[in-house]
Amino acid sequence: MKIILDTTSSDPHYNGDCDCAVVDLTPALVDQIQRRVELARRAAAEDADIYELYFWGSAVDFYDHSLVEACEEAVAAGTDGQEEDKNAAAYAWSSALEQTGHALLPHGVDLKRHARQRTECLQTIIRCAPPSRSLEFEIAWTAIPKHTDVYVTTHDLSLTVMDDLLAAARRNYGNEHC
């Protein structure tokens, strides 16, 4: 199951055209994330000041805004009804992405038609959700667009949200896509 994530940049005026990121939440990646969260839980049990752990490597690819536009078009194309219904569906999808920072990548979006942005220093972040001391962890990914000195970071995903997204994908698409 592929999820599109909104991004932020350490430079408010430039993000190296890394406007969004896509992560393929495969069973292997989910297992890896759960193992890393368990490692963070154990570390937090020994040191209450832990905030985040970084792991080299990443499971995301960064894209420019044209991918978001293609997702809106795919949502509209998959909607029955009048043009205003299609526009409303596309608007609802993009509004949800802006509000939550993530959305399922719609069917019909061909990632091969969109250029992945060149990045380096890819990392996975396991972060304790502030200001929680209940040890709820969130996952984010970060990278540096090539030939820049800015960091681009995805919106955080909690384990609960990942579980909800996986369940929704199974309901909508069946187990073969998850």
C-alpha atoms as a PDB file:
ATOM      1  CA  MET A   1       0.000   0.000   0.000  1.00  0.00           C
ATOM      2  CA  LYS A   2       1.417   3.357  -0.997  1.00  0.00           C
ATOM      3  CA  ILE A   3       0.871   6.469   1.082  1.00  0.00           C
ATOM      4  CA  ILE A   4       1.588  10.018   0.014  1.00  0.00           C
ATOM      5  CA  LEU A   5       2.944  12.301   2.738  1.00  0.00           C
ATOM      6  CA  ASP A   6       3.110  16.052   2.929  1.00  0.00           C
ATOM      7  CA  THR A   7       6.547  17.538   3.622  1.00  0.00           C
ATOM      8  CA  THR A   8       8.117  20.498   5.358  1.00  0.00           C
ATOM      9  CA  SER A   9      11.480  22.099   4.723  1.00  0.00           C
ATOM     10  CA  SER A  10      14.064  23.608   7.033  1.00  0.00           C
ATOM     11  CA  ASP A  11      14.022  26.569   4.621  1.00  0.00           C
ATOM     12  CA  PRO A  12      10.538  28.102   4.469  1.00  0.00           C
ATOM     13  CA  HIS A  13      11.234  29.415   0.951  1.00  0.00           C
ATOM     14  CA  TYR A  14      12.803  26.357  -0.696  1.00  0.00           C
ATOM     15  CA  ASN A  15      12.360  22.587  -0.524  1.00  0.00           C
ATOM     16  CA  GLY A  16      14.321  21.330  -3.539  1.00  0.00           C
ATOM     17  CA  ASP A  17      11.011  20.424  -5.239  1.00  0.00           C
ATOM     18  CA  CYS A  18      10.393  17.782  -2.564  1.00  0.00           C
ATOM     19  CA  ASP A  19       6.747  18.768  -2.107  1.00  0.00           C
ATOM     20  CA  CYS A  20       5.567  15.308  -1.111  1.00  0.00           C
ATOM     21  CA  ALA A  21       6.879  11.824  -0.470  1.00  0.00           C
ATOM     22  CA  VAL A  22       5.580   8.335  -1.141  1.00  0.00           C
ATOM     23  CA  VAL A  23       6.151   5.373   1.154  1.00  0.00           C
ATOM     24  CA  ASP A  24       5.193   1.816   0.265  1.00  0.00           C
ATOM     25  CA  LEU A  25       3.986   0.305   3.543  1.00  0.00           C
ATOM     26  CA  THR A  26       4.966  -3.271   2.819  1.00  0.00           C
ATOM     27  CA  PRO A  27       4.733  -5.952   5.524  1.00  0.00           C
ATOM     28  CA  ALA A  28       8.552  -5.964   5.710  1.00  0.00           C
ATOM     29  CA  LEU A  29       8.673  -2.194   6.269  1.00  0.00           C
ATOM     30  CA  VAL A  30       5.922  -2.315   8.897  1.00  0.00           C
ATOM     31  CA  ASP A  31       7.834  -5.097  10.712  1.00  0.00           C
ATOM     32  CA  GLN A  32      11.033  -3.035  10.570  1.00  0.00           C
ATOM     33  CA  ILE A  33       9.237   0.032  11.944  1.00  0.00           C
ATOM     34  CA  GLN A  34       7.679  -2.007  14.756  1.00  0.00           C
ATOM     35  CA  ARG A  35      11.110  -3.424  15.697  1.00  0.00           C
ATOM     36  CA  ARG A  36      12.581   0.059  15.745  1.00  0.00           C
ATOM     37  CA  VAL A  37       9.726   1.411  17.842  1.00  0.00           C
ATOM     38  CA  GLU A  38      10.284  -1.425  20.310  1.00  0.00           C
ATOM     39  CA  LEU A  39      13.961  -0.443  20.462  1.00  0.00           C
ATOM     40  CA  ALA A  40      12.896   3.154  21.159  1.00  0.00           C
ATOM     41  CA  ARG A  41      10.498   1.961  23.892  1.00  0.00           C
ATOM     42  CA  ARG A  42      13.317   0.062  25.599  1.00  0.00           C
ATOM     43  CA  ALA A  43      15.608   3.078  25.365  1.00  0.00           C
ATOM     44  CA  ALA A  44      12.885   5.344  26.748  1.00  0.00           C
ATOM     45  CA  ALA A  45      12.382   2.984  29.685  1.00  0.00           C
ATOM     46  CA  GLU A  46      16.024   3.594  30.609  1.00  0.00           C
ATOM     47  CA  ASP A  47      16.189   7.310  29.784  1.00  0.00           C
ATOM     48  CA  ALA A  48      13.060   9.451  30.001  1.00  0.00           C
ATOM     49  CA  ASP A  49      14.700  12.245  27.990  1.00  0.00           C
ATOM     50  CA  ILE A  50      14.694  10.324  24.725  1.00  0.00           C
ATOM     51  CA  TYR A  51      12.975  12.230  21.970  1.00  0.00           C
ATOM     52  CA  GLU A  52      13.915  10.590  18.676  1.00  0.00           C
ATOM     53  CA  LEU A  53      16.097   7.963  17.055  1.00  0.00           C
ATOM     54  CA  TYR A  54      17.455   8.231  13.511  1.00  0.00           C
ATOM     55  CA  PHE A  55      18.205   5.285  11.231  1.00  0.00           C
ATOM     56  CA  TRP A  56      20.140   5.595   7.974  1.00  0.00           C
ATOM     57  CA  GLY A  57      18.240   4.568   4.909  1.00  0.00           C
ATOM     58  CA  SER A  58      14.733   5.370   3.953  1.00  0.00           C
ATOM     59  CA  ALA A  59      11.688   3.810   2.437  1.00  0.00           C
ATOM     60  CA  VAL A  60      10.389   6.991   0.822  1.00  0.00           C
ATOM     61  CA  ASP A  61      10.809   8.728  -2.492  1.00  0.00           C
ATOM     62  CA  PHE A  62      10.307  12.475  -2.786  1.00  0.00           C
ATOM     63  CA  TYR A  63       8.371  14.128  -5.630  1.00  0.00           C
ATOM     64  CA  ASP A  64       7.386  17.593  -6.764  1.00  0.00           C
ATOM     65  CA  HIS A  65       3.841  18.989  -6.679  1.00  0.00           C
ATOM     66  CA  SER A  66       2.912  17.408 -10.030  1.00  0.00           C
ATOM     67  CA  LEU A  67       2.343  14.127  -8.160  1.00  0.00           C
ATOM     68  CA  VAL A  68      -0.252  15.780  -5.911  1.00  0.00           C
ATOM     69  CA  GLU A  69      -1.970  17.149  -9.014  1.00  0.00           C
ATOM     70  CA  ALA A  70      -1.939  13.663 -10.609  1.00  0.00           C
ATOM     71  CA  CYS A  71      -3.529  12.250  -7.441  1.00  0.00           C
ATOM     72  CA  GLU A  72      -6.284  14.861  -7.562  1.00  0.00           C
ATOM     73  CA  GLU A  73      -6.913  13.997 -11.222  1.00  0.00           C
ATOM     74  CA  ALA A  74      -7.015  10.253 -10.431  1.00  0.00           C
ATOM     75  CA  VAL A  75      -9.522  10.810  -7.629  1.00  0.00           C
ATOM     76  CA  ALA A  76     -11.680  12.936  -9.934  1.00  0.00           C
ATOM     77  CA  ALA A  77     -11.481  10.363 -12.737  1.00  0.00           C
ATOM     78  CA  GLY A  78     -12.546   7.602 -10.358  1.00  0.00           C
ATOM     79  CA  THR A  79     -15.626   9.527  -9.241  1.00  0.00           C
ATOM     80  CA  ASP A  80     -18.993   8.992 -10.884  1.00  0.00           C
ATOM     81  CA  GLY A  81     -21.249  11.940 -11.497  1.00  0.00           C
ATOM     82  CA  GLN A  82     -21.102  15.460 -12.768  1.00  0.00           C
ATOM     83  CA  GLU A  83     -17.986  17.593 -13.115  1.00  0.00           C
ATOM     84  CA  GLU A  84     -18.733  19.329  -9.804  1.00  0.00           C
ATOM     85  CA  ASP A  85     -18.807  15.903  -8.078  1.00  0.00           C
ATOM     86  CA  LYS A  86     -15.403  15.093  -9.549  1.00  0.00           C
ATOM     87  CA  ASN A  87     -14.018  18.463  -8.473  1.00  0.00           C
ATOM     88  CA  ALA A  88     -15.458  18.032  -4.991  1.00  0.00           C
ATOM     89  CA  ALA A  89     -13.844  14.592  -4.649  1.00  0.00           C
ATOM     90  CA  ALA A  90     -10.463  15.934  -5.764  1.00  0.00           C
ATOM     91  CA  TYR A  91     -10.787  18.874  -3.373  1.00  0.00           C
ATOM     92  CA  ALA A  92     -11.742  16.558  -0.497  1.00  0.00           C
ATOM     93  CA  TRP A  93      -8.702  14.359  -1.172  1.00  0.00           C
ATOM     94  CA  SER A  94      -6.256  17.291  -1.298  1.00  0.00           C
ATOM     95  CA  SER A  95      -7.850  18.919   1.774  1.00  0.00           C
ATOM     96  CA  ALA A  96      -7.447  15.682   3.712  1.00  0.00           C
ATOM     97  CA  LEU A  97      -3.778  15.504   2.650  1.00  0.00           C
ATOM     98  CA  GLU A  98      -3.215  19.078   3.842  1.00  0.00           C
ATOM     99  CA  GLN A  99      -5.049  18.554   7.143  1.00  0.00           C
ATOM    100  CA  THR A 100      -3.663  15.156   8.144  1.00  0.00           C
ATOM    101  CA  GLY A 101      -0.374  15.206   6.263  1.00  0.00           C
ATOM    102  CA  HIS A 102      -1.018  11.854   4.591  1.00  0.00           C
ATOM    103  CA  ALA A 103      -3.392  10.031   2.236  1.00  0.00           C
ATOM    104  CA  LEU A 104      -3.598   6.783   0.334  1.00  0.00           C
ATOM    105  CA  LEU A 105      -2.072   7.073  -3.111  1.00  0.00           C
ATOM    106  CA  PRO A 106      -5.107   6.825  -5.416  1.00  0.00           C
ATOM    107  CA  HIS A 107      -5.448   4.027  -7.957  1.00  0.00           C
ATOM    108  CA  GLY A 108      -4.512   5.145 -11.423  1.00  0.00           C
ATOM    109  CA  VAL A 109      -1.486   7.184 -10.358  1.00  0.00           C
ATOM    110  CA  ASP A 110       1.585   5.910 -12.190  1.00  0.00           C
ATOM    111  CA  LEU A 111       4.659   6.885 -10.181  1.00  0.00           C
ATOM    112  CA  LYS A 112       6.867   6.079 -13.169  1.00  0.00           C
ATOM    113  CA  ARG A 113       5.436   9.133 -14.917  1.00  0.00           C
ATOM    114  CA  HIS A 114       6.798  11.395 -12.169  1.00  0.00           C
ATOM    115  CA  ALA A 115      10.459  12.090 -11.580  1.00  0.00           C
ATOM    116  CA  ARG A 116      11.757  11.188  -8.152  1.00  0.00           C
ATOM    117  CA  GLN A 117      13.711  14.049  -6.717  1.00  0.00           C
ATOM    118  CA  ARG A 118      17.393  13.411  -6.143  1.00  0.00           C
ATOM    119  CA  THR A 119      18.137  13.327  -2.427  1.00  0.00           C
ATOM    120  CA  GLU A 120      20.868  12.233  -0.055  1.00  0.00           C
ATOM    121  CA  CYS A 121      21.249  11.485   3.653  1.00  0.00           C
ATOM    122  CA  LEU A 122      17.942   9.604   3.746  1.00  0.00           C
ATOM    123  CA  GLN A 123      16.859   8.736   7.263  1.00  0.00           C
ATOM    124  CA  THR A 124      13.947   7.200   9.113  1.00  0.00           C
ATOM    125  CA  ILE A 125      12.996   8.944  12.347  1.00  0.00           C
ATOM    126  CA  ILE A 126      11.271   7.249  15.271  1.00  0.00           C
ATOM    127  CA  ARG A 127      10.001  10.110  17.441  1.00  0.00           C
ATOM    128  CA  CYS A 128       8.265  10.159  20.803  1.00  0.00           C
ATOM    129  CA  ALA A 129       5.018  12.042  20.236  1.00  0.00           C
ATOM    130  CA  PRO A 130       5.300  15.254  22.273  1.00  0.00           C
ATOM    131  CA  PRO A 131       4.133  16.147  24.818  1.00  0.00           C
ATOM    132  CA  SER A 132       3.080  12.585  25.500  1.00  0.00           C
ATOM    133  CA  ARG A 133       4.898  10.595  28.114  1.00  0.00           C
ATOM    134  CA  SER A 134       2.736   7.598  27.288  1.00  0.00           C
ATOM    135  CA  LEU A 135       5.450   6.478  24.864  1.00  0.00           C
ATOM    136  CA  GLU A 136       3.353   6.849  21.743  1.00  0.00           C
ATOM    137  CA  PHE A 137       5.820   6.949  18.862  1.00  0.00           C
ATOM    138  CA  GLU A 138       5.540   8.472  15.431  1.00  0.00           C
ATOM    139  CA  ILE A 139       7.513   7.768  12.272  1.00  0.00           C
ATOM    140  CA  ALA A 140       8.829  10.328   9.795  1.00  0.00           C
ATOM    141  CA  TRP A 141      11.394  10.334   7.008  1.00  0.00           C
ATOM    142  CA  THR A 142      13.903  13.007   6.132  1.00  0.00           C
ATOM    143  CA  ALA A 143      16.382  13.766   3.362  1.00  0.00           C
ATOM    144  CA  ILE A 144      18.512  16.524   1.906  1.00  0.00           C
ATOM    145  CA  PRO A 145      17.681  17.428  -1.698  1.00  0.00           C
ATOM    146  CA  LYS A 146      20.845  17.108  -3.815  1.00  0.00           C
ATOM    147  CA  HIS A 147      23.042  20.200  -4.017  1.00  0.00           C
ATOM    148  CA  THR A 148      21.231  21.973  -1.185  1.00  0.00           C
ATOM    149  CA  ASP A 149      21.715  22.507   2.514  1.00  0.00           C
ATOM    150  CA  VAL A 150      18.053  22.118   3.496  1.00  0.00           C
ATOM    151  CA  TYR A 151      16.355  19.211   5.202  1.00  0.00           C
ATOM    152  CA  VAL A 152      12.990  18.019   3.961  1.00  0.00           C
ATOM    153  CA  THR A 153      10.927  15.973   6.406  1.00  0.00           C
ATOM    154  CA  THR A 154       7.653  14.136   5.931  1.00  0.00           C
ATOM    155  CA  HIS A 155       4.641  14.525   8.131  1.00  0.00           C
ATOM    156  CA  ASP A 156       4.695  12.139  11.107  1.00  0.00           C
ATOM    157  CA  LEU A 157       2.708   8.900  11.009  1.00  0.00           C
ATOM    158  CA  SER A 158       1.724   7.274  14.286  1.00  0.00           C
ATOM    159  CA  LEU A 159       1.534   3.509  14.586  1.00  0.00           C
ATOM    160  CA  THR A 160      -2.220   3.883  15.118  1.00  0.00           C
ATOM    161  CA  VAL A 161      -2.585   5.824  11.853  1.00  0.00           C
ATOM    162  CA  MET A 162      -0.479   3.237   9.986  1.00  0.00           C
ATOM    163  CA  ASP A 163      -2.715   0.462  11.312  1.00  0.00           C
ATOM    164  CA  ASP A 164      -5.833   2.441  10.298  1.00  0.00           C
ATOM    165  CA  LEU A 165      -4.439   3.056   6.795  1.00  0.00           C
ATOM    166  CA  LEU A 166      -3.578  -0.624   6.363  1.00  0.00           C
ATOM    167  CA  ALA A 167      -7.090  -1.607   7.466  1.00  0.00           C
ATOM    168  CA  ALA A 168      -8.660   0.917   5.074  1.00  0.00           C
ATOM    169  CA  ALA A 169      -6.523  -0.332   2.190  1.00  0.00           C
ATOM    170  CA  ARG A 170      -7.525  -3.917   2.903  1.00  0.00           C
ATOM    171  CA  ARG A 171     -11.202  -2.913   2.920  1.00  0.00           C
ATOM    172  CA  ASN A 172     -10.882  -0.896  -0.300  1.00  0.00           C
ATOM    173  CA  TYR A 173      -8.385  -2.929  -2.291  1.00  0.00           C
ATOM    174  CA  GLY A 174      -8.025  -6.347  -0.672  1.00  0.00           C
ATOM    175  CA  ASN A 175      -4.942  -7.944   0.866  1.00  0.00           C
ATOM    176  CA  GLU A 176      -3.021  -8.180  -2.410  1.00  0.00           C
ATOM    177  CA  HIS A 177      -2.237  -4.427  -2.324  1.00  0.00           C
ATOM    178  CA  CYS A 178      -1.227  -4.267   1.348  1.00  0.00           C
END
